N, C-alpha and C. Protein backbone atom coordinates (compact mmCIF):
# COMPACT_ATOMS: atom_id res chain seq x y z
N MET A 1 7.49 -6.56 45.06
CA MET A 1 8.10 -7.32 43.99
C MET A 1 9.54 -7.62 44.37
N ASN A 2 9.98 -8.82 44.13
CA ASN A 2 11.36 -9.22 44.35
C ASN A 2 12.09 -9.19 43.02
N VAL A 3 13.29 -8.59 43.02
CA VAL A 3 14.10 -8.50 41.81
C VAL A 3 15.43 -9.18 42.09
N GLU A 4 15.84 -10.07 41.18
CA GLU A 4 17.11 -10.77 41.31
C GLU A 4 17.89 -10.66 40.02
N LEU A 5 19.21 -10.51 40.16
CA LEU A 5 20.11 -10.55 39.01
C LEU A 5 20.54 -11.99 38.83
N ALA A 6 20.34 -12.54 37.63
CA ALA A 6 20.73 -13.92 37.33
C ALA A 6 22.02 -13.88 36.51
N VAL A 7 23.04 -14.58 36.98
CA VAL A 7 24.36 -14.58 36.34
C VAL A 7 24.78 -16.01 36.07
N ALA A 8 25.14 -16.30 34.82
CA ALA A 8 25.62 -17.63 34.46
C ALA A 8 27.11 -17.53 34.14
N THR A 9 27.93 -18.30 34.86
CA THR A 9 29.37 -18.31 34.60
C THR A 9 29.80 -19.60 33.90
N ALA A 10 28.83 -20.30 33.32
CA ALA A 10 29.12 -21.51 32.54
C ALA A 10 28.12 -21.57 31.39
N GLU A 11 28.47 -22.34 30.39
CA GLU A 11 27.59 -22.54 29.24
C GLU A 11 26.44 -23.47 29.63
N PRO A 12 25.31 -23.41 28.91
CA PRO A 12 24.23 -24.37 29.15
C PRO A 12 24.73 -25.79 28.91
N SER A 13 24.05 -26.76 29.50
CA SER A 13 24.46 -28.16 29.37
C SER A 13 24.26 -28.70 27.96
N GLY A 14 23.40 -28.06 27.19
CA GLY A 14 23.16 -28.52 25.82
C GLY A 14 22.39 -27.47 25.04
N ALA A 15 22.21 -27.73 23.75
CA ALA A 15 21.48 -26.80 22.89
C ALA A 15 20.07 -26.60 23.41
N GLY A 16 19.66 -25.36 23.57
CA GLY A 16 18.32 -25.04 24.02
C GLY A 16 18.12 -25.11 25.53
N ALA A 17 19.15 -25.53 26.26
CA ALA A 17 19.04 -25.63 27.72
C ALA A 17 19.26 -24.25 28.35
N THR A 18 18.73 -24.07 29.54
CA THR A 18 18.90 -22.84 30.29
C THR A 18 20.30 -22.80 30.89
N PRO A 19 20.98 -21.66 30.81
CA PRO A 19 22.30 -21.56 31.45
C PRO A 19 22.16 -21.78 32.96
N PRO A 20 23.20 -22.26 33.62
CA PRO A 20 23.15 -22.48 35.07
C PRO A 20 23.32 -21.16 35.82
N TYR A 21 22.21 -20.50 36.07
CA TYR A 21 22.22 -19.18 36.69
C TYR A 21 22.42 -19.25 38.20
N THR A 22 23.10 -18.26 38.74
CA THR A 22 23.14 -17.98 40.16
C THR A 22 22.36 -16.68 40.33
N CYS A 23 21.36 -16.66 41.19
CA CYS A 23 20.52 -15.47 41.37
C CYS A 23 20.96 -14.70 42.60
N LEU A 24 21.16 -13.40 42.40
CA LEU A 24 21.57 -12.51 43.47
C LEU A 24 20.44 -11.52 43.72
N PRO A 25 19.92 -11.45 44.94
CA PRO A 25 18.80 -10.54 45.21
C PRO A 25 19.23 -9.08 45.12
N LEU A 26 18.44 -8.29 44.42
CA LEU A 26 18.72 -6.86 44.31
C LEU A 26 17.99 -6.07 45.38
N ASN A 27 16.97 -6.64 45.98
CA ASN A 27 16.22 -5.93 47.01
C ASN A 27 17.07 -5.64 48.23
N SER A 28 18.09 -6.48 48.47
CA SER A 28 18.90 -6.31 49.67
C SER A 28 20.11 -5.41 49.45
N VAL A 29 20.26 -4.88 48.24
CA VAL A 29 21.38 -3.99 47.96
C VAL A 29 21.19 -2.71 48.76
N SER A 30 22.26 -2.24 49.38
CA SER A 30 22.15 -1.04 50.21
C SER A 30 21.78 0.17 49.38
N ARG A 31 21.27 1.19 50.02
CA ARG A 31 20.87 2.42 49.32
C ARG A 31 22.07 3.09 48.68
N ARG A 32 23.29 2.83 49.18
CA ARG A 32 24.47 3.43 48.58
C ARG A 32 24.65 2.96 47.14
N GLY A 33 24.21 1.77 46.82
CA GLY A 33 24.37 1.24 45.48
C GLY A 33 23.25 1.63 44.53
N ARG A 34 22.32 2.47 45.00
CA ARG A 34 21.17 2.84 44.18
C ARG A 34 21.11 4.34 43.97
N ALA A 35 20.65 4.72 42.81
CA ALA A 35 20.42 6.14 42.53
C ALA A 35 19.18 6.23 41.64
N ALA A 36 18.23 7.08 42.01
CA ALA A 36 17.01 7.23 41.23
C ALA A 36 17.06 8.54 40.46
N VAL A 37 16.80 8.45 39.15
CA VAL A 37 16.75 9.63 38.30
C VAL A 37 15.53 9.50 37.40
N ASN A 38 14.63 10.47 37.46
CA ASN A 38 13.41 10.45 36.63
C ASN A 38 12.66 9.13 36.74
N GLY A 39 12.58 8.60 37.95
CA GLY A 39 11.85 7.35 38.15
C GLY A 39 12.68 6.10 37.90
N TRP A 40 13.87 6.24 37.31
CA TRP A 40 14.73 5.08 37.07
C TRP A 40 15.66 4.92 38.25
N GLN A 41 15.94 3.68 38.57
CA GLN A 41 16.85 3.38 39.67
C GLN A 41 18.04 2.61 39.13
N THR A 42 19.21 3.03 39.52
CA THR A 42 20.44 2.35 39.10
C THR A 42 20.98 1.57 40.28
N THR A 43 21.36 0.34 40.03
CA THR A 43 21.89 -0.51 41.09
C THR A 43 23.20 -1.13 40.63
N ALA A 44 24.23 -1.03 41.48
CA ALA A 44 25.50 -1.70 41.22
C ALA A 44 25.57 -2.92 42.11
N VAL A 45 25.90 -4.06 41.53
CA VAL A 45 25.93 -5.32 42.27
C VAL A 45 27.31 -5.94 42.10
N ARG A 46 27.96 -6.24 43.22
CA ARG A 46 29.23 -6.95 43.18
C ARG A 46 28.94 -8.44 43.02
N LEU A 47 29.64 -9.07 42.12
CA LEU A 47 29.44 -10.50 41.86
C LEU A 47 30.35 -11.33 42.77
N THR A 48 30.26 -11.07 44.05
CA THR A 48 31.09 -11.80 45.01
C THR A 48 30.68 -13.26 45.05
N GLY A 49 31.66 -14.11 45.20
CA GLY A 49 31.39 -15.54 45.26
C GLY A 49 31.34 -16.20 43.89
N LEU A 50 31.36 -15.42 42.82
CA LEU A 50 31.35 -15.99 41.47
C LEU A 50 32.75 -15.87 40.87
N SER A 51 33.09 -16.80 40.02
CA SER A 51 34.37 -16.72 39.33
C SER A 51 34.18 -17.21 37.90
N GLY A 52 35.12 -16.83 37.06
CA GLY A 52 35.06 -17.25 35.66
C GLY A 52 34.47 -16.17 34.79
N THR A 53 34.16 -16.53 33.58
CA THR A 53 33.62 -15.61 32.58
C THR A 53 32.10 -15.56 32.68
N VAL A 54 31.53 -14.38 32.59
CA VAL A 54 30.08 -14.24 32.56
C VAL A 54 29.60 -14.62 31.16
N HIS A 55 28.79 -15.66 31.06
CA HIS A 55 28.27 -16.13 29.78
C HIS A 55 26.88 -15.57 29.48
N ALA A 56 26.11 -15.29 30.54
CA ALA A 56 24.76 -14.76 30.34
C ALA A 56 24.34 -14.03 31.61
N ILE A 57 23.52 -13.00 31.42
CA ILE A 57 22.91 -12.32 32.56
C ILE A 57 21.41 -12.21 32.30
N GLY A 58 20.67 -12.13 33.36
CA GLY A 58 19.22 -12.01 33.25
C GLY A 58 18.66 -11.36 34.49
N VAL A 59 17.38 -11.14 34.48
CA VAL A 59 16.69 -10.56 35.63
C VAL A 59 15.50 -11.46 35.92
N ARG A 60 15.32 -11.80 37.19
CA ARG A 60 14.17 -12.60 37.60
C ARG A 60 13.29 -11.72 38.47
N LEU A 61 12.03 -11.59 38.07
CA LEU A 61 11.05 -10.78 38.80
C LEU A 61 10.02 -11.72 39.41
N THR A 62 9.74 -11.50 40.69
CA THR A 62 8.69 -12.27 41.37
C THR A 62 7.71 -11.26 41.94
N ALA A 63 6.52 -11.21 41.36
CA ALA A 63 5.52 -10.25 41.80
C ALA A 63 4.80 -10.75 43.04
N THR A 64 4.72 -9.88 44.04
CA THR A 64 3.95 -10.21 45.24
C THR A 64 2.54 -9.65 45.14
N THR A 65 2.39 -8.60 44.36
CA THR A 65 1.07 -8.03 44.04
C THR A 65 1.15 -7.54 42.61
N GLY A 66 0.06 -7.25 42.03
CA GLY A 66 0.06 -6.80 40.63
C GLY A 66 -0.66 -5.49 40.50
N PRO A 67 -0.68 -4.86 39.40
CA PRO A 67 0.14 -5.15 38.23
C PRO A 67 1.59 -4.71 38.44
N VAL A 68 2.50 -5.27 37.66
CA VAL A 68 3.93 -4.98 37.76
C VAL A 68 4.34 -4.07 36.61
N ARG A 69 5.03 -2.99 36.96
CA ARG A 69 5.64 -2.11 35.94
C ARG A 69 7.12 -2.10 36.20
N TRP A 70 7.87 -2.56 35.21
CA TRP A 70 9.31 -2.68 35.42
C TRP A 70 9.99 -2.58 34.07
N GLY A 71 11.14 -1.93 34.02
CA GLY A 71 11.91 -1.82 32.78
C GLY A 71 13.38 -2.03 33.07
N LEU A 72 14.08 -2.52 32.07
CA LEU A 72 15.52 -2.75 32.19
C LEU A 72 16.24 -1.79 31.26
N GLY A 73 17.17 -1.04 31.81
CA GLY A 73 17.95 -0.09 31.01
C GLY A 73 19.14 -0.76 30.35
N GLY A 74 20.30 -0.23 30.59
CA GLY A 74 21.52 -0.75 29.95
C GLY A 74 22.41 -1.49 30.94
N PRO A 75 22.24 -2.80 31.05
CA PRO A 75 23.10 -3.55 31.97
C PRO A 75 24.54 -3.60 31.45
N ALA A 76 25.47 -3.61 32.37
CA ALA A 76 26.89 -3.69 32.02
C ALA A 76 27.60 -4.55 33.04
N VAL A 77 28.58 -5.31 32.59
CA VAL A 77 29.39 -6.13 33.47
C VAL A 77 30.84 -5.77 33.22
N HIS A 78 31.54 -5.43 34.30
CA HIS A 78 32.98 -5.17 34.17
C HIS A 78 33.65 -5.52 35.48
N ASP A 79 34.96 -5.53 35.44
CA ASP A 79 35.70 -5.96 36.64
C ASP A 79 36.07 -4.79 37.54
N GLY A 80 35.50 -3.65 37.33
CA GLY A 80 35.77 -2.50 38.18
C GLY A 80 36.92 -1.66 37.69
N SER A 81 37.72 -2.17 36.76
CA SER A 81 38.83 -1.39 36.22
C SER A 81 38.30 -0.47 35.13
N THR A 82 38.07 0.77 35.46
CA THR A 82 37.52 1.68 34.47
C THR A 82 38.55 2.68 33.97
N THR A 83 39.68 2.78 34.64
CA THR A 83 40.71 3.71 34.18
C THR A 83 42.07 3.03 34.22
N THR A 84 42.95 3.56 33.44
CA THR A 84 44.33 3.10 33.41
C THR A 84 45.20 4.29 33.78
N ALA A 85 46.16 4.08 34.66
CA ALA A 85 47.04 5.17 35.07
C ALA A 85 47.98 5.54 33.92
N ALA A 86 48.27 6.82 33.82
CA ALA A 86 49.15 7.32 32.76
C ALA A 86 50.61 7.07 33.11
N PRO A 87 51.45 6.88 32.09
CA PRO A 87 52.88 6.78 32.37
C PRO A 87 53.39 8.13 32.86
N GLY A 88 54.47 8.13 33.61
CA GLY A 88 55.00 9.39 34.14
C GLY A 88 56.30 9.79 33.49
N ASN A 89 56.66 11.03 33.68
CA ASN A 89 57.95 11.57 33.26
C ASN A 89 58.29 11.25 31.80
N VAL A 90 57.38 11.55 30.89
CA VAL A 90 57.63 11.32 29.46
C VAL A 90 58.68 12.32 28.99
N ARG A 91 59.67 11.81 28.29
CA ARG A 91 60.77 12.67 27.86
C ARG A 91 61.39 12.14 26.57
N ILE A 92 62.14 13.00 25.90
CA ILE A 92 62.93 12.61 24.74
C ILE A 92 64.37 12.50 25.24
N THR A 93 64.92 11.30 25.17
CA THR A 93 66.25 11.07 25.73
C THR A 93 67.36 11.23 24.70
N ALA A 94 67.03 11.20 23.42
CA ALA A 94 68.02 11.40 22.36
C ALA A 94 67.31 11.90 21.12
N ALA A 95 67.96 12.85 20.45
CA ALA A 95 67.40 13.39 19.20
C ALA A 95 68.54 13.69 18.25
N THR A 96 68.49 13.06 17.08
CA THR A 96 69.46 13.33 16.03
C THR A 96 68.67 13.56 14.75
N GLY A 97 68.59 14.83 14.33
CA GLY A 97 67.77 15.15 13.17
C GLY A 97 66.33 14.80 13.47
N GLY A 98 65.75 13.92 12.67
CA GLY A 98 64.37 13.49 12.88
C GLY A 98 64.25 12.18 13.61
N ASP A 99 65.37 11.66 14.13
CA ASP A 99 65.35 10.42 14.90
C ASP A 99 65.20 10.75 16.38
N LEU A 100 64.11 10.31 16.99
CA LEU A 100 63.84 10.62 18.39
C LEU A 100 63.70 9.35 19.20
N ARG A 101 64.28 9.38 20.41
CA ARG A 101 64.11 8.27 21.34
C ARG A 101 63.31 8.79 22.53
N PHE A 102 62.14 8.17 22.76
CA PHE A 102 61.25 8.54 23.84
C PHE A 102 61.43 7.56 24.99
N ALA A 103 61.23 8.05 26.21
CA ALA A 103 61.25 7.20 27.40
C ALA A 103 60.24 7.74 28.39
N TRP A 104 59.79 6.88 29.30
CA TRP A 104 58.81 7.27 30.31
C TRP A 104 58.91 6.31 31.48
N ASP A 105 58.38 6.73 32.62
CA ASP A 105 58.32 5.87 33.79
C ASP A 105 57.08 4.99 33.68
N ALA A 106 57.15 3.82 34.28
CA ALA A 106 56.04 2.87 34.19
C ALA A 106 54.79 3.42 34.86
N ALA A 107 53.65 3.10 34.30
CA ALA A 107 52.36 3.45 34.90
C ALA A 107 52.07 2.44 36.01
N VAL A 108 51.35 2.87 37.02
CA VAL A 108 50.97 1.99 38.12
C VAL A 108 49.81 1.10 37.67
N GLY A 109 49.85 -0.17 38.02
CA GLY A 109 48.76 -1.08 37.70
C GLY A 109 49.06 -1.96 36.50
N ASP A 110 48.03 -2.68 36.07
CA ASP A 110 48.17 -3.60 34.94
C ASP A 110 48.13 -2.82 33.64
N VAL A 111 49.20 -2.88 32.88
CA VAL A 111 49.30 -2.18 31.60
C VAL A 111 49.61 -3.19 30.52
N ARG A 112 48.80 -3.20 29.47
CA ARG A 112 49.01 -4.10 28.34
C ARG A 112 50.14 -3.59 27.44
N HIS A 113 50.06 -2.32 27.10
CA HIS A 113 51.10 -1.71 26.27
C HIS A 113 50.99 -0.19 26.36
N ARG A 114 51.90 0.51 25.70
CA ARG A 114 51.85 1.97 25.60
C ARG A 114 51.75 2.34 24.13
N GLU A 115 51.09 3.47 23.87
CA GLU A 115 50.95 3.96 22.51
C GLU A 115 51.54 5.36 22.42
N LEU A 116 52.26 5.59 21.33
CA LEU A 116 52.87 6.89 21.07
C LEU A 116 52.19 7.51 19.86
N HIS A 117 51.75 8.77 20.02
CA HIS A 117 51.11 9.51 18.94
C HIS A 117 51.81 10.86 18.76
N ARG A 118 51.76 11.36 17.56
CA ARG A 118 52.17 12.74 17.29
C ARG A 118 50.90 13.55 17.17
N VAL A 119 50.85 14.68 17.87
CA VAL A 119 49.69 15.56 17.79
C VAL A 119 49.95 16.54 16.66
N LEU A 120 49.09 16.53 15.65
CA LEU A 120 49.24 17.38 14.48
C LEU A 120 48.70 18.78 14.76
N PRO A 121 49.08 19.76 13.95
CA PRO A 121 48.64 21.14 14.19
C PRO A 121 47.13 21.32 14.27
N ASP A 122 46.35 20.48 13.58
CA ASP A 122 44.89 20.61 13.62
C ASP A 122 44.27 19.89 14.82
N GLY A 123 45.12 19.31 15.70
CA GLY A 123 44.63 18.64 16.89
C GLY A 123 44.42 17.14 16.74
N THR A 124 44.48 16.63 15.52
CA THR A 124 44.34 15.19 15.32
C THR A 124 45.64 14.50 15.72
N ARG A 125 45.57 13.19 15.87
CA ARG A 125 46.75 12.43 16.29
C ARG A 125 47.16 11.46 15.20
N ARG A 126 48.46 11.26 15.07
CA ARG A 126 49.02 10.27 14.14
C ARG A 126 49.71 9.20 14.98
N PHE A 127 49.28 7.95 14.82
CA PHE A 127 49.86 6.82 15.56
C PHE A 127 51.28 6.57 15.08
N LEU A 128 52.23 6.55 16.01
CA LEU A 128 53.62 6.29 15.66
C LEU A 128 54.06 4.87 16.02
N GLY A 129 53.42 4.30 17.05
CA GLY A 129 53.77 2.94 17.41
C GLY A 129 53.28 2.56 18.79
N GLY A 130 53.41 1.29 19.10
CA GLY A 130 53.03 0.76 20.40
C GLY A 130 54.12 -0.16 20.91
N THR A 131 54.26 -0.24 22.22
CA THR A 131 55.29 -1.08 22.81
C THR A 131 54.88 -1.50 24.21
N ALA A 132 55.42 -2.63 24.63
CA ALA A 132 55.23 -3.08 26.00
C ALA A 132 56.37 -2.57 26.89
N GLN A 133 57.31 -1.89 26.28
CA GLN A 133 58.49 -1.40 27.00
C GLN A 133 58.28 0.03 27.50
N ARG A 134 59.33 0.59 28.13
CA ARG A 134 59.25 1.96 28.65
C ARG A 134 60.03 2.94 27.79
N ALA A 135 60.32 2.56 26.55
CA ALA A 135 61.03 3.44 25.62
C ALA A 135 60.61 3.08 24.20
N TYR A 136 60.77 4.05 23.30
CA TYR A 136 60.40 3.80 21.90
C TYR A 136 61.24 4.71 21.01
N PHE A 137 61.76 4.17 19.92
CA PHE A 137 62.58 4.92 18.96
C PHE A 137 61.77 5.15 17.69
N VAL A 138 61.74 6.40 17.24
CA VAL A 138 61.04 6.74 16.00
C VAL A 138 62.03 7.41 15.05
N PRO A 139 62.33 6.79 13.91
CA PRO A 139 63.26 7.39 12.97
C PRO A 139 62.55 8.27 11.93
N GLY A 140 63.27 9.22 11.40
CA GLY A 140 62.83 9.96 10.22
C GLY A 140 61.67 10.92 10.38
N LEU A 141 61.46 11.46 11.56
CA LEU A 141 60.39 12.44 11.72
C LEU A 141 60.79 13.77 11.08
N GLN A 142 59.82 14.49 10.62
CA GLN A 142 60.03 15.80 9.99
C GLN A 142 59.13 16.82 10.66
N PRO A 143 59.56 18.08 10.72
CA PRO A 143 58.63 19.10 11.25
C PRO A 143 57.47 19.31 10.28
N GLU A 144 56.31 19.62 10.82
CA GLU A 144 55.18 19.98 9.97
C GLU A 144 55.50 21.32 9.32
N GLN A 145 54.93 21.55 8.16
CA GLN A 145 55.23 22.76 7.39
C GLN A 145 54.99 24.02 8.23
N GLY A 146 56.04 24.85 8.36
CA GLY A 146 55.93 26.10 9.08
C GLY A 146 55.96 25.97 10.60
N LYS A 147 56.20 24.78 11.13
CA LYS A 147 56.20 24.57 12.58
C LYS A 147 57.61 24.27 13.07
N ARG A 148 57.98 24.87 14.21
CA ARG A 148 59.30 24.65 14.80
C ARG A 148 59.26 23.63 15.94
N THR A 149 58.06 23.30 16.39
CA THR A 149 57.92 22.33 17.47
C THR A 149 56.95 21.24 17.08
N ALA A 150 57.08 20.12 17.76
CA ALA A 150 56.15 19.00 17.58
C ALA A 150 55.78 18.50 18.97
N ARG A 151 54.52 18.13 19.12
CA ARG A 151 54.02 17.62 20.40
C ARG A 151 53.69 16.14 20.22
N PHE A 152 54.06 15.36 21.24
CA PHE A 152 53.84 13.92 21.23
C PHE A 152 53.10 13.51 22.49
N GLU A 153 52.31 12.42 22.39
CA GLU A 153 51.56 11.89 23.52
C GLU A 153 51.89 10.42 23.72
N VAL A 154 52.01 10.04 24.98
CA VAL A 154 52.16 8.63 25.34
C VAL A 154 50.98 8.28 26.25
N ARG A 155 50.32 7.17 25.94
CA ARG A 155 49.21 6.68 26.75
C ARG A 155 49.47 5.24 27.13
N ALA A 156 49.12 4.88 28.35
CA ALA A 156 49.16 3.48 28.77
C ALA A 156 47.81 2.86 28.43
N VAL A 157 47.83 1.64 27.96
CA VAL A 157 46.60 0.92 27.63
C VAL A 157 46.50 -0.29 28.55
N GLY A 158 45.39 -0.37 29.30
CA GLY A 158 45.22 -1.42 30.30
C GLY A 158 44.73 -2.73 29.72
N GLU A 159 44.53 -3.69 30.60
CA GLU A 159 44.10 -5.03 30.20
C GLU A 159 42.75 -5.04 29.49
N LEU A 160 41.88 -4.06 29.78
CA LEU A 160 40.58 -3.99 29.11
C LEU A 160 40.62 -3.04 27.92
N TYR A 161 41.83 -2.71 27.46
CA TYR A 161 42.06 -1.84 26.31
C TYR A 161 41.53 -0.42 26.54
N LEU A 162 41.51 0.01 27.80
CA LEU A 162 41.14 1.38 28.12
C LEU A 162 42.42 2.20 28.20
N ALA A 163 42.48 3.30 27.45
CA ALA A 163 43.68 4.13 27.40
C ALA A 163 43.66 5.15 28.53
N SER A 164 44.84 5.46 29.03
CA SER A 164 44.99 6.46 30.08
C SER A 164 44.89 7.86 29.48
N ALA A 165 44.92 8.82 30.36
CA ALA A 165 45.04 10.20 29.92
C ALA A 165 46.42 10.35 29.25
N PRO A 166 46.57 11.27 28.31
CA PRO A 166 47.87 11.40 27.64
C PRO A 166 48.88 12.14 28.51
N MET A 167 50.12 11.74 28.38
CA MET A 167 51.24 12.49 28.93
C MET A 167 51.98 13.03 27.72
N THR A 168 52.29 14.31 27.72
CA THR A 168 52.83 14.93 26.52
C THR A 168 54.28 15.38 26.72
N VAL A 169 54.95 15.49 25.60
CA VAL A 169 56.31 16.02 25.54
C VAL A 169 56.41 16.80 24.22
N THR A 170 57.18 17.88 24.24
CA THR A 170 57.34 18.71 23.05
C THR A 170 58.80 18.67 22.59
N HIS A 171 58.99 18.63 21.29
CA HIS A 171 60.34 18.63 20.69
C HIS A 171 60.46 19.85 19.78
N THR A 172 61.56 20.58 19.94
CA THR A 172 61.84 21.73 19.06
C THR A 172 62.84 21.29 18.01
N TRP A 173 62.52 21.56 16.75
CA TRP A 173 63.39 21.16 15.65
C TRP A 173 64.54 22.12 15.51
């Protein structure tokens, strides 16, 4: 059986028309791109030679003998960017009462923005703000009841809205 991935990077020519697919053979994918688990095989295919937005994907099966048993799991398309690097050297550069100024070094790679959270005593996070800059000012913070320190997290958010691991800083009141 021949298996091909069909990728359309343009809209169909009209209502009810088939998208203009480019078919990429999956049979020729190296064994490095495949993994079999419980009879299922996973294949990663680079969309080399294609550009633009993926509008549709499909699978074309051509049986050389029968019967054919084949199933499709969870297809996914992404640009390979699965992680965003964390900002470095997170610090509090000024503190007056509950007014805190945070700063950090830029994260490597494409970063859309950074998010600042306060980590509460129960482990949940409170969003304090977001910025495209490398510093952020937060006025009027208060210590949590019975707590002498507060922990804060800064995360970089990439172009695909994937957040980095948190970088933390602690402030003593």
